[in-house]
Amino acid sequence: MRGNPTEFDTLIVRPSARPECGIVYDPLDVAAALEVKFSGVYSQDVPAALKALFEQIRAKHPHIQCVYVTVCENPRFKFRITTERLGFPAFTLTG
């Protein structure tokens, strides 16, 4: 996304979006940014860092929805990302 150095796993963009160099989207064309992990996180620093990143995106672009998705996660892991911990929607497909 132009103006943000972070690479997101998936961006949901307008059908009419025309990315620069085929990969850099104008934030006005972005509806949602998704961070996707296969098996969650393994560090206590990751949830806070991801929350800060999502907050930066929303501060600059309130129309962009930020979402975290993990395919599987150990529900007993102390630092697993949840909607409550992140402050943004967080989904685990299998537990």
PDB file of N, CA and C in Angstrom:
ATOM      1  N   MET A   1       0.839  -1.157   0.000  1.00  0.00           N
ATOM      2  CA  MET A   1       0.000   0.000   0.000  1.00  0.00           C
ATOM      3  C   MET A   1       0.897   1.236   0.000  1.00  0.00           C
ATOM      4  N   ARG A   2       0.616   2.146  -0.896  1.00  0.00           N
ATOM      5  CA  ARG A   2       1.458   3.337  -0.994  1.00  0.00           C
ATOM      6  C   ARG A   2       1.469   4.085   0.348  1.00  0.00           C
ATOM      7  N   GLY A   3       2.667   4.501   0.771  1.00  0.00           N
ATOM      8  CA  GLY A   3       2.817   5.240   2.007  1.00  0.00           C
ATOM      9  C   GLY A   3       2.965   4.373   3.243  1.00  0.00           C
ATOM     10  N   ASN A   4       2.961   3.053   3.060  1.00  0.00           N
ATOM     11  CA  ASN A   4       3.127   2.146   4.191  1.00  0.00           C
ATOM     12  C   ASN A   4       4.142   1.081   3.797  1.00  0.00           C
ATOM     13  N   PRO A   5       5.226   0.956   4.558  1.00  0.00           N
ATOM     14  CA  PRO A   5       6.278   0.013   4.174  1.00  0.00           C
ATOM     15  C   PRO A   5       5.953  -1.450   4.468  1.00  0.00           C
ATOM     16  N   THR A   6       4.818  -1.716   5.104  1.00  0.00           N
ATOM     17  CA  THR A   6       4.469  -3.082   5.483  1.00  0.00           C
ATOM     18  C   THR A   6       3.855  -3.844   4.319  1.00  0.00           C
ATOM     19  N   GLU A   7       4.282  -5.067   4.167  1.00  0.00           N
ATOM     20  CA  GLU A   7       3.679  -5.955   3.180  1.00  0.00           C
ATOM     21  C   GLU A   7       2.579  -6.746   3.865  1.00  0.00           C
ATOM     22  N   PHE A   8       1.370  -6.665   3.345  1.00  0.00           N
ATOM     23  CA  PHE A   8       0.261  -7.450   3.880  1.00  0.00           C
ATOM     24  C   PHE A   8       0.096  -8.703   3.048  1.00  0.00           C
ATOM     25  N   ASP A   9      -0.406  -9.750   3.679  1.00  0.00           N
ATOM     26  CA  ASP A   9      -0.602 -11.007   2.965  1.00  0.00           C
ATOM     27  C   ASP A   9      -1.691 -10.893   1.918  1.00  0.00           C
ATOM     28  N   THR A  10      -2.755 -10.158   2.242  1.00  0.00           N
ATOM     29  CA  THR A  10      -3.864  -9.997   1.302  1.00  0.00           C
ATOM     30  C   THR A  10      -4.463  -8.607   1.452  1.00  0.00           C
ATOM     31  N   LEU A  11      -4.713  -7.967   0.336  1.00  0.00           N
ATOM     32  CA  LEU A  11      -5.459  -6.722   0.315  1.00  0.00           C
ATOM     33  C   LEU A  11      -6.742  -6.945  -0.467  1.00  0.00           C
ATOM     34  N   ILE A  12      -7.830  -6.447   0.058  1.00  0.00           N
ATOM     35  CA  ILE A  12      -9.096  -6.464  -0.670  1.00  0.00           C
ATOM     36  C   ILE A  12      -9.229  -5.073  -1.283  1.00  0.00           C
ATOM     37  N   VAL A  13      -9.238  -5.033  -2.611  1.00  0.00           N
ATOM     38  CA  VAL A  13      -9.213  -3.745  -3.314  1.00  0.00           C
ATOM     39  C   VAL A  13     -10.412  -3.609  -4.245  1.00  0.00           C
ATOM     40  N   ARG A  14     -10.654  -2.377  -4.653  1.00  0.00           N
ATOM     41  CA  ARG A  14     -11.719  -2.102  -5.620  1.00  0.00           C
ATOM     42  C   ARG A  14     -11.400  -2.810  -6.939  1.00  0.00           C
ATOM     43  N   PRO A  15     -12.408  -3.246  -7.635  1.00  0.00           N
ATOM     44  CA  PRO A  15     -12.157  -3.876  -8.949  1.00  0.00           C
ATOM     45  C   PRO A  15     -11.474  -2.931  -9.933  1.00  0.00           C
ATOM     46  N   SER A  16     -11.665  -1.640  -9.756  1.00  0.00           N
ATOM     47  CA  SER A  16     -11.075  -0.666 -10.677  1.00  0.00           C
ATOM     48  C   SER A  16      -9.664  -0.239 -10.283  1.00  0.00           C
ATOM     49  N   ALA A  17      -9.127  -0.796  -9.205  1.00  0.00           N
ATOM     50  CA  ALA A  17      -7.793  -0.409  -8.722  1.00  0.00           C
ATOM     51  C   ALA A  17      -6.728  -0.711  -9.767  1.00  0.00           C
ATOM     52  N   ARG A  18      -5.780   0.219  -9.894  1.00  0.00           N
ATOM     53  CA  ARG A  18      -4.664   0.068 -10.822  1.00  0.00           C
ATOM     54  C   ARG A  18      -3.379   0.244 -10.024  1.00  0.00           C
ATOM     55  N   PRO A  19      -2.768  -0.850  -9.572  1.00  0.00           N
ATOM     56  CA  PRO A  19      -1.565  -0.725  -8.740  1.00  0.00           C
ATOM     57  C   PRO A  19      -0.358  -0.243  -9.531  1.00  0.00           C
ATOM     58  N   GLU A  20       0.456   0.567  -8.864  1.00  0.00           N
ATOM     59  CA  GLU A  20       1.713   1.006  -9.465  1.00  0.00           C
ATOM     60  C   GLU A  20       2.655  -0.195  -9.523  1.00  0.00           C
ATOM     61  N   CYS A  21       3.314  -0.371 -10.625  1.00  0.00           N
ATOM     62  CA  CYS A  21       4.249  -1.484 -10.841  1.00  0.00           C
ATOM     63  C   CYS A  21       3.591  -2.835 -10.568  1.00  0.00           C
ATOM     64  N   GLY A  22       2.272  -2.884 -10.610  1.00  0.00           N
ATOM     65  CA  GLY A  22       1.552  -4.137 -10.423  1.00  0.00           C
ATOM     66  C   GLY A  22       1.403  -4.599  -8.988  1.00  0.00           C
ATOM     67  N   ILE A  23       1.987  -3.844  -8.015  1.00  0.00           N
ATOM     68  CA  ILE A  23       1.928  -4.333  -6.631  1.00  0.00           C
ATOM     69  C   ILE A  23       1.641  -3.259  -5.578  1.00  0.00           C
ATOM     70  N   VAL A  24       1.736  -1.989  -5.895  1.00  0.00           N
ATOM     71  CA  VAL A  24       1.568  -0.929  -4.891  1.00  0.00           C
ATOM     72  C   VAL A  24       0.215  -0.255  -5.122  1.00  0.00           C
ATOM     73  N   TYR A  25      -0.677  -0.439  -4.153  1.00  0.00           N
ATOM     74  CA  TYR A  25      -2.034   0.091  -4.277  1.00  0.00           C
ATOM     75  C   TYR A  25      -2.188   1.423  -3.571  1.00  0.00           C
ATOM     76  N   ASP A  26      -2.997   2.294  -4.143  1.00  0.00           N
ATOM     77  CA  ASP A  26      -3.385   3.533  -3.490  1.00  0.00           C
ATOM     78  C   ASP A  26      -4.280   3.143  -2.305  1.00  0.00           C
ATOM     79  N   PRO A  27      -4.046   3.692  -1.118  1.00  0.00           N
ATOM     80  CA  PRO A  27      -4.870   3.349   0.033  1.00  0.00           C
ATOM     81  C   PRO A  27      -6.368   3.603  -0.188  1.00  0.00           C
ATOM     82  N   LEU A  28      -6.718   4.562  -1.039  1.00  0.00           N
ATOM     83  CA  LEU A  28      -8.135   4.810  -1.312  1.00  0.00           C
ATOM     84  C   LEU A  28      -8.794   3.649  -2.033  1.00  0.00           C
ATOM     85  N   ASP A  29      -7.997   2.806  -2.689  1.00  0.00           N
ATOM     86  CA  ASP A  29      -8.530   1.635  -3.383  1.00  0.00           C
ATOM     87  C   ASP A  29      -8.643   0.409  -2.483  1.00  0.00           C
ATOM     88  N   VAL A  30      -8.120   0.484  -1.259  1.00  0.00           N
ATOM     89  CA  VAL A  30      -8.069  -0.668  -0.361  1.00  0.00           C
ATOM     90  C   VAL A  30      -9.249  -0.640   0.609  1.00  0.00           C
ATOM     91  N   ALA A  31      -9.995  -1.741   0.659  1.00  0.00           N
ATOM     92  CA  ALA A  31     -11.105  -1.877   1.605  1.00  0.00           C
ATOM     93  C   ALA A  31     -10.665  -2.599   2.866  1.00  0.00           C
ATOM     94  N   ALA A  32      -9.756  -3.571   2.723  1.00  0.00           N
ATOM     95  CA  ALA A  32      -9.317  -4.357   3.882  1.00  0.00           C
ATOM     96  C   ALA A  32      -7.897  -4.857   3.684  1.00  0.00           C
ATOM     97  N   ALA A  33      -7.193  -4.976   4.815  1.00  0.00           N
ATOM     98  CA  ALA A  33      -5.842  -5.538   4.832  1.00  0.00           C
ATOM     99  C   ALA A  33      -5.876  -6.748   5.762  1.00  0.00           C
ATOM    100  N   LEU A  34      -5.437  -7.890   5.258  1.00  0.00           N
ATOM    101  CA  LEU A  34      -5.439  -9.112   6.049  1.00  0.00           C
ATOM    102  C   LEU A  34      -4.024  -9.584   6.307  1.00  0.00           C
ATOM    103  N   GLU A  35      -3.765  -9.946   7.546  1.00  0.00           N
ATOM    104  CA  GLU A  35      -2.517 -10.592   7.917  1.00  0.00           C
ATOM    105  C   GLU A  35      -2.883 -12.049   8.165  1.00  0.00           C
ATOM    106  N   VAL A  36      -2.247 -12.964   7.439  1.00  0.00           N
ATOM    107  CA  VAL A  36      -2.598 -14.381   7.501  1.00  0.00           C
ATOM    108  C   VAL A  36      -1.384 -15.187   7.946  1.00  0.00           C
ATOM    109  N   LYS A  37      -1.596 -16.064   8.912  1.00  0.00           N
ATOM    110  CA  LYS A  37      -0.543 -16.965   9.390  1.00  0.00           C
ATOM    111  C   LYS A  37      -1.071 -18.390   9.328  1.00  0.00           C
ATOM    112  N   PHE A  38      -0.168 -19.326   9.106  1.00  0.00           N
ATOM    113  CA  PHE A  38      -0.600 -20.722   9.097  1.00  0.00           C
ATOM    114  C   PHE A  38      -0.831 -21.239  10.508  1.00  0.00           C
ATOM    115  N   SER A  39       0.136 -21.007  11.394  1.00  0.00           N
ATOM    116  CA  SER A  39       0.005 -21.585  12.737  1.00  0.00           C
ATOM    117  C   SER A  39       0.202 -20.559  13.846  1.00  0.00           C
ATOM    118  N   GLY A  40      -0.336 -19.388  13.663  1.00  0.00           N
ATOM    119  CA  GLY A  40      -0.318 -18.399  14.732  1.00  0.00           C
ATOM    120  C   GLY A  40       1.039 -17.794  14.987  1.00  0.00           C
ATOM    121  N   VAL A  41       1.207 -17.304  16.205  1.00  0.00           N
ATOM    122  CA  VAL A  41       2.441 -16.604  16.573  1.00  0.00           C
ATOM    123  C   VAL A  41       3.147 -17.340  17.696  1.00  0.00           C
ATOM    124  N   TYR A  42       4.441 -17.098  17.816  1.00  0.00           N
ATOM    125  CA  TYR A  42       5.237 -17.782  18.817  1.00  0.00           C
ATOM    126  C   TYR A  42       6.001 -16.830  19.723  1.00  0.00           C
ATOM    127  N   SER A  43       5.700 -15.558  19.657  1.00  0.00           N
ATOM    128  CA  SER A  43       6.415 -14.570  20.455  1.00  0.00           C
ATOM    129  C   SER A  43       5.418 -13.636  21.120  1.00  0.00           C
ATOM    130  N   GLN A  44       5.709 -13.242  22.325  1.00  0.00           N
ATOM    131  CA  GLN A  44       4.816 -12.330  23.030  1.00  0.00           C
ATOM    132  C   GLN A  44       4.824 -10.933  22.418  1.00  0.00           C
ATOM    133  N   ASP A  45       5.821 -10.612  21.604  1.00  0.00           N
ATOM    134  CA  ASP A  45       5.915  -9.290  20.980  1.00  0.00           C
ATOM    135  C   ASP A  45       4.981  -9.131  19.782  1.00  0.00           C
ATOM    136  N   VAL A  46       4.612 -10.222  19.152  1.00  0.00           N
ATOM    137  CA  VAL A  46       3.856 -10.145  17.903  1.00  0.00           C
ATOM    138  C   VAL A  46       2.475  -9.520  18.075  1.00  0.00           C
ATOM    139  N   PRO A  47       1.660  -9.907  19.055  1.00  0.00           N
ATOM    140  CA  PRO A  47       0.334  -9.282  19.152  1.00  0.00           C
ATOM    141  C   PRO A  47       0.392  -7.762  19.311  1.00  0.00           C
ATOM    142  N   ALA A  48       1.296  -7.265  20.144  1.00  0.00           N
ATOM    143  CA  ALA A  48       1.403  -5.813  20.341  1.00  0.00           C
ATOM    144  C   ALA A  48       1.892  -5.119  19.077  1.00  0.00           C
ATOM    145  N   ALA A  49       2.837  -5.714  18.378  1.00  0.00           N
ATOM    146  CA  ALA A  49       3.358  -5.122  17.144  1.00  0.00           C
ATOM    147  C   ALA A  49       2.275  -5.090  16.065  1.00  0.00           C
ATOM    148  N   LEU A  50       1.503  -6.170  15.954  1.00  0.00           N
ATOM    149  CA  LEU A  50       0.439  -6.221  14.956  1.00  0.00           C
ATOM    150  C   LEU A  50      -0.657  -5.211  15.293  1.00  0.00           C
ATOM    151  N   LYS A  51      -0.997  -5.101  16.558  1.00  0.00           N
ATOM    152  CA  LYS A  51      -1.999  -4.115  16.978  1.00  0.00           C
ATOM    153  C   LYS A  51      -1.528  -2.701  16.624  1.00  0.00           C
ATOM    154  N   ALA A  52      -0.266  -2.393  16.895  1.00  0.00           N
ATOM    155  CA  ALA A  52       0.276  -1.071  16.571  1.00  0.00           C
ATOM    156  C   ALA A  52       0.222  -0.814  15.066  1.00  0.00           C
ATOM    157  N   LEU A  53       0.554  -1.819  14.272  1.00  0.00           N
ATOM    158  CA  LEU A  53       0.500  -1.675  12.816  1.00  0.00           C
ATOM    159  C   LEU A  53      -0.929  -1.404  12.352  1.00  0.00           C
ATOM    160  N   PHE A  54      -1.875  -2.192  12.823  1.00  0.00           N
ATOM    161  CA  PHE A  54      -3.275  -1.995  12.449  1.00  0.00           C
ATOM    162  C   PHE A  54      -3.765  -0.609  12.875  1.00  0.00           C
ATOM    163  N   GLU A  55      -3.360  -0.161  14.056  1.00  0.00           N
ATOM    164  CA  GLU A  55      -3.764   1.159  14.524  1.00  0.00           C
ATOM    165  C   GLU A  55      -3.186   2.268  13.642  1.00  0.00           C
ATOM    166  N   GLN A  56      -1.950   2.092  13.177  1.00  0.00           N
ATOM    167  CA  GLN A  56      -1.348   3.076  12.269  1.00  0.00           C
ATOM    168  C   GLN A  56      -2.128   3.152  10.964  1.00  0.00           C
ATOM    169  N   ILE A  57      -2.474   2.001  10.432  1.00  0.00           N
ATOM    170  CA  ILE A  57      -3.237   1.959   9.181  1.00  0.00           C
ATOM    171  C   ILE A  57      -4.571   2.668   9.365  1.00  0.00           C
ATOM    172  N   ARG A  58      -5.288   2.329  10.433  1.00  0.00           N
ATOM    173  CA  ARG A  58      -6.615   2.921  10.661  1.00  0.00           C
ATOM    174  C   ARG A  58      -6.533   4.415  10.966  1.00  0.00           C
ATOM    175  N   ALA A  59      -5.459   4.872  11.608  1.00  0.00           N
ATOM    176  CA  ALA A  59      -5.310   6.304  11.895  1.00  0.00           C
ATOM    177  C   ALA A  59      -5.175   7.101  10.602  1.00  0.00           C
ATOM    178  N   LYS A  60      -4.432   6.554   9.645  1.00  0.00           N
ATOM    179  CA  LYS A  60      -4.241   7.230   8.354  1.00  0.00           C
ATOM    180  C   LYS A  60      -5.418   7.017   7.415  1.00  0.00           C
ATOM    181  N   HIS A  61      -6.020   5.820   7.496  1.00  0.00           N
ATOM    182  CA  HIS A  61      -7.056   5.423   6.537  1.00  0.00           C
ATOM    183  C   HIS A  61      -8.201   4.728   7.267  1.00  0.00           C
ATOM    184  N   PRO A  62      -9.097   5.486   7.898  1.00  0.00           N
ATOM    185  CA  PRO A  62     -10.158   4.883   8.710  1.00  0.00           C
ATOM    186  C   PRO A  62     -11.099   3.957   7.941  1.00  0.00           C
ATOM    187  N   HIS A  63     -11.125   4.063   6.634  1.00  0.00           N
ATOM    188  CA  HIS A  63     -12.006   3.207   5.833  1.00  0.00           C
ATOM    189  C   HIS A  63     -11.446   1.790   5.661  1.00  0.00           C
ATOM    190  N   ILE A  64     -10.177   1.581   5.933  1.00  0.00           N
ATOM    191  CA  ILE A  64      -9.566   0.260   5.737  1.00  0.00           C
ATOM    192  C   ILE A  64      -9.806  -0.612   6.965  1.00  0.00           C
ATOM    193  N   GLN A  65     -10.388  -1.774   6.740  1.00  0.00           N
ATOM    194  CA  GLN A  65     -10.600  -2.751   7.801  1.00  0.00           C
ATOM    195  C   GLN A  65      -9.358  -3.625   7.901  1.00  0.00           C
ATOM    196  N   CYS A  66      -8.888  -3.848   9.125  1.00  0.00           N
ATOM    197  CA  CYS A  66      -7.711  -4.683   9.348  1.00  0.00           C
ATOM    198  C   CYS A  66      -8.161  -5.972  10.037  1.00  0.00           C
ATOM    199  N   VAL A  67      -7.674  -7.104   9.527  1.00  0.00           N
ATOM    200  CA  VAL A  67      -8.130  -8.404  10.006  1.00  0.00           C
ATOM    201  C   VAL A  67      -6.947  -9.355  10.110  1.00  0.00           C
ATOM    202  N   TYR A  68      -6.953 -10.179  11.162  1.00  0.00           N
ATOM    203  CA  TYR A  68      -5.939 -11.216  11.354  1.00  0.00           C
ATOM    204  C   TYR A  68      -6.618 -12.574  11.212  1.00  0.00           C
ATOM    205  N   VAL A  69      -5.985 -13.463  10.440  1.00  0.00           N
ATOM    206  CA  VAL A  69      -6.502 -14.819  10.243  1.00  0.00           C
ATOM    207  C   VAL A  69      -5.363 -15.809  10.443  1.00  0.00           C
ATOM    208  N   THR A  70      -5.621 -16.841  11.239  1.00  0.00           N
ATOM    209  CA  THR A  70      -4.668 -17.943  11.346  1.00  0.00           C
ATOM    210  C   THR A  70      -5.389 -19.237  11.016  1.00  0.00           C
ATOM    211  N   VAL A  71      -4.704 -20.143  10.345  1.00  0.00           N
ATOM    212  CA  VAL A  71      -5.311 -21.415   9.970  1.00  0.00           C
ATOM    213  C   VAL A  71      -5.504 -22.287  11.204  1.00  0.00           C
ATOM    214  N   CYS A  72      -4.483 -22.371  12.046  1.00  0.00           N
ATOM    215  CA  CYS A  72      -4.607 -23.161  13.270  1.00  0.00           C
ATOM    216  C   CYS A  72      -3.832 -22.484  14.388  1.00  0.00           C
ATOM    217  N   GLU A  73      -4.256 -22.729  15.605  1.00  0.00           N
ATOM    218  CA  GLU A  73      -3.633 -22.100  16.761  1.00  0.00           C
ATOM    219  C   GLU A  73      -3.886 -22.961  17.985  1.00  0.00           C
ATOM    220  N   ASN A  74      -2.904 -23.037  18.851  1.00  0.00           N
ATOM    221  CA  ASN A  74      -3.075 -23.734  20.116  1.00  0.00           C
ATOM    222  C   ASN A  74      -3.870 -22.808  21.040  1.00  0.00           C
ATOM    223  N   PRO A  75      -5.093 -23.171  21.414  1.00  0.00           N
ATOM    224  CA  PRO A  75      -5.913 -22.279  22.228  1.00  0.00           C
ATOM    225  C   PRO A  75      -5.341 -22.024  23.619  1.00  0.00           C
ATOM    226  N   ARG A  76      -4.375 -22.825  24.055  1.00  0.00           N
ATOM    227  CA  ARG A  76      -3.767 -22.623  25.368  1.00  0.00           C
ATOM    228  C   ARG A  76      -2.538 -21.731  25.312  1.00  0.00           C
ATOM    229  N   PHE A  77      -2.101 -21.349  24.109  1.00  0.00           N
ATOM    230  CA  PHE A  77      -0.920 -20.501  23.972  1.00  0.00           C
ATOM    231  C   PHE A  77      -1.200 -19.142  24.593  1.00  0.00           C
ATOM    232  N   LYS A  78      -0.381 -18.725  25.514  1.00  0.00           N
ATOM    233  CA  LYS A  78      -0.609 -17.519  26.302  1.00  0.00           C
ATOM    234  C   LYS A  78      -0.718 -16.253  25.455  1.00  0.00           C
ATOM    235  N   PHE A  79       0.046 -16.150  24.396  1.00  0.00           N
ATOM    236  CA  PHE A  79       0.091 -14.916  23.617  1.00  0.00           C
ATOM    237  C   PHE A  79      -0.629 -15.017  22.279  1.00  0.00           C
ATOM    238  N   ARG A  80      -1.523 -15.981  22.144  1.00  0.00           N
ATOM    239  CA  ARG A  80      -2.229 -16.124  20.871  1.00  0.00           C
ATOM    240  C   ARG A  80      -3.043 -14.868  20.589  1.00  0.00           C
ATOM    241  N   ILE A  81      -3.240 -14.605  19.334  1.00  0.00           N
ATOM    242  CA  ILE A  81      -3.954 -13.394  18.943  1.00  0.00           C
ATOM    243  C   ILE A  81      -5.447 -13.669  18.946  1.00  0.00           C
ATOM    244  N   THR A  82      -6.162 -12.831  19.671  1.00  0.00           N
ATOM    245  CA  THR A  82      -7.622 -12.883  19.726  1.00  0.00           C
ATOM    246  C   THR A  82      -8.151 -11.490  19.391  1.00  0.00           C
ATOM    247  N   THR A  83      -9.426 -11.418  19.089  1.00  0.00           N
ATOM    248  CA  THR A  83     -10.051 -10.121  18.822  1.00  0.00           C
ATOM    249  C   THR A  83      -9.897  -9.211  20.030  1.00  0.00           C
ATOM    250  N   GLU A  84     -10.059  -9.758  21.217  1.00  0.00           N
ATOM    251  CA  GLU A  84      -9.956  -8.960  22.435  1.00  0.00           C
ATOM    252  C   GLU A  84      -8.541  -8.416  22.626  1.00  0.00           C
ATOM    253  N   ARG A  85      -7.544  -9.228  22.415  1.00  0.00           N
ATOM    254  CA  ARG A  85      -6.150  -8.808  22.597  1.00  0.00           C
ATOM    255  C   ARG A  85      -5.726  -7.818  21.500  1.00  0.00           C
ATOM    256  N   LEU A  86      -6.188  -8.068  20.290  1.00  0.00           N
ATOM    257  CA  LEU A  86      -5.757  -7.264  19.140  1.00  0.00           C
ATOM    258  C   LEU A  86      -6.549  -5.963  19.015  1.00  0.00           C
ATOM    259  N   GLY A  87      -7.823  -6.004  19.370  1.00  0.00           N
ATOM    260  CA  GLY A  87      -8.660  -4.827  19.177  1.00  0.00           C
ATOM    261  C   GLY A  87      -9.185  -4.719  17.748  1.00  0.00           C
ATOM    262  N   PHE A  88      -8.948  -5.747  16.970  1.00  0.00           N
ATOM    263  CA  PHE A  88      -9.413  -5.855  15.585  1.00  0.00           C
ATOM    264  C   PHE A  88      -9.911  -7.285  15.384  1.00  0.00           C
ATOM    265  N   PRO A  89     -10.707  -7.538  14.348  1.00  0.00           N
ATOM    266  CA  PRO A  89     -11.175  -8.900  14.133  1.00  0.00           C
ATOM    267  C   PRO A  89     -10.017  -9.885  13.956  1.00  0.00           C
ATOM    268  N   ALA A  90     -10.101 -10.993  14.682  1.00  0.00           N
ATOM    269  CA  ALA A  90      -9.084 -12.052  14.607  1.00  0.00           C
ATOM    270  C   ALA A  90      -9.807 -13.384  14.525  1.00  0.00           C
ATOM    271  N   PHE A  91      -9.442 -14.187  13.554  1.00  0.00           N
ATOM    272  CA  PHE A  91     -10.113 -15.464  13.319  1.00  0.00           C
ATOM    273  C   PHE A  91      -9.119 -16.619  13.316  1.00  0.00           C
ATOM    274  N   THR A  92      -9.502 -17.700  13.962  1.00  0.00           N
ATOM    275  CA  THR A  92      -8.739 -18.945  13.920  1.00  0.00           C
ATOM    276  C   THR A  92      -9.635 -19.975  13.238  1.00  0.00           C
ATOM    277  N   LEU A  93      -9.146 -20.564  12.146  1.00  0.00           N
ATOM    278  CA  LEU A  93      -9.979 -21.500  11.390  1.00  0.00           C
ATOM    279  C   LEU A  93     -10.097 -22.850  12.078  1.00  0.00           C
ATOM    280  N   THR A  94      -9.020 -23.328  12.721  1.00  0.00           N
ATOM    281  CA  THR A  94      -9.079 -24.576  13.495  1.00  0.00           C
ATOM    282  C   THR A  94      -8.277 -24.394  14.758  1.00  0.00           C
ATOM    283  N   GLY A  95      -8.691 -25.076  15.835  1.00  0.00           N
ATOM    284  CA  GLY A  95      -8.003 -24.891  17.113  1.00  0.00           C
ATOM    285  C   GLY A  95      -7.383 -26.132  17.650  1.00  0.00           C
TER     286      GLY A  95
END
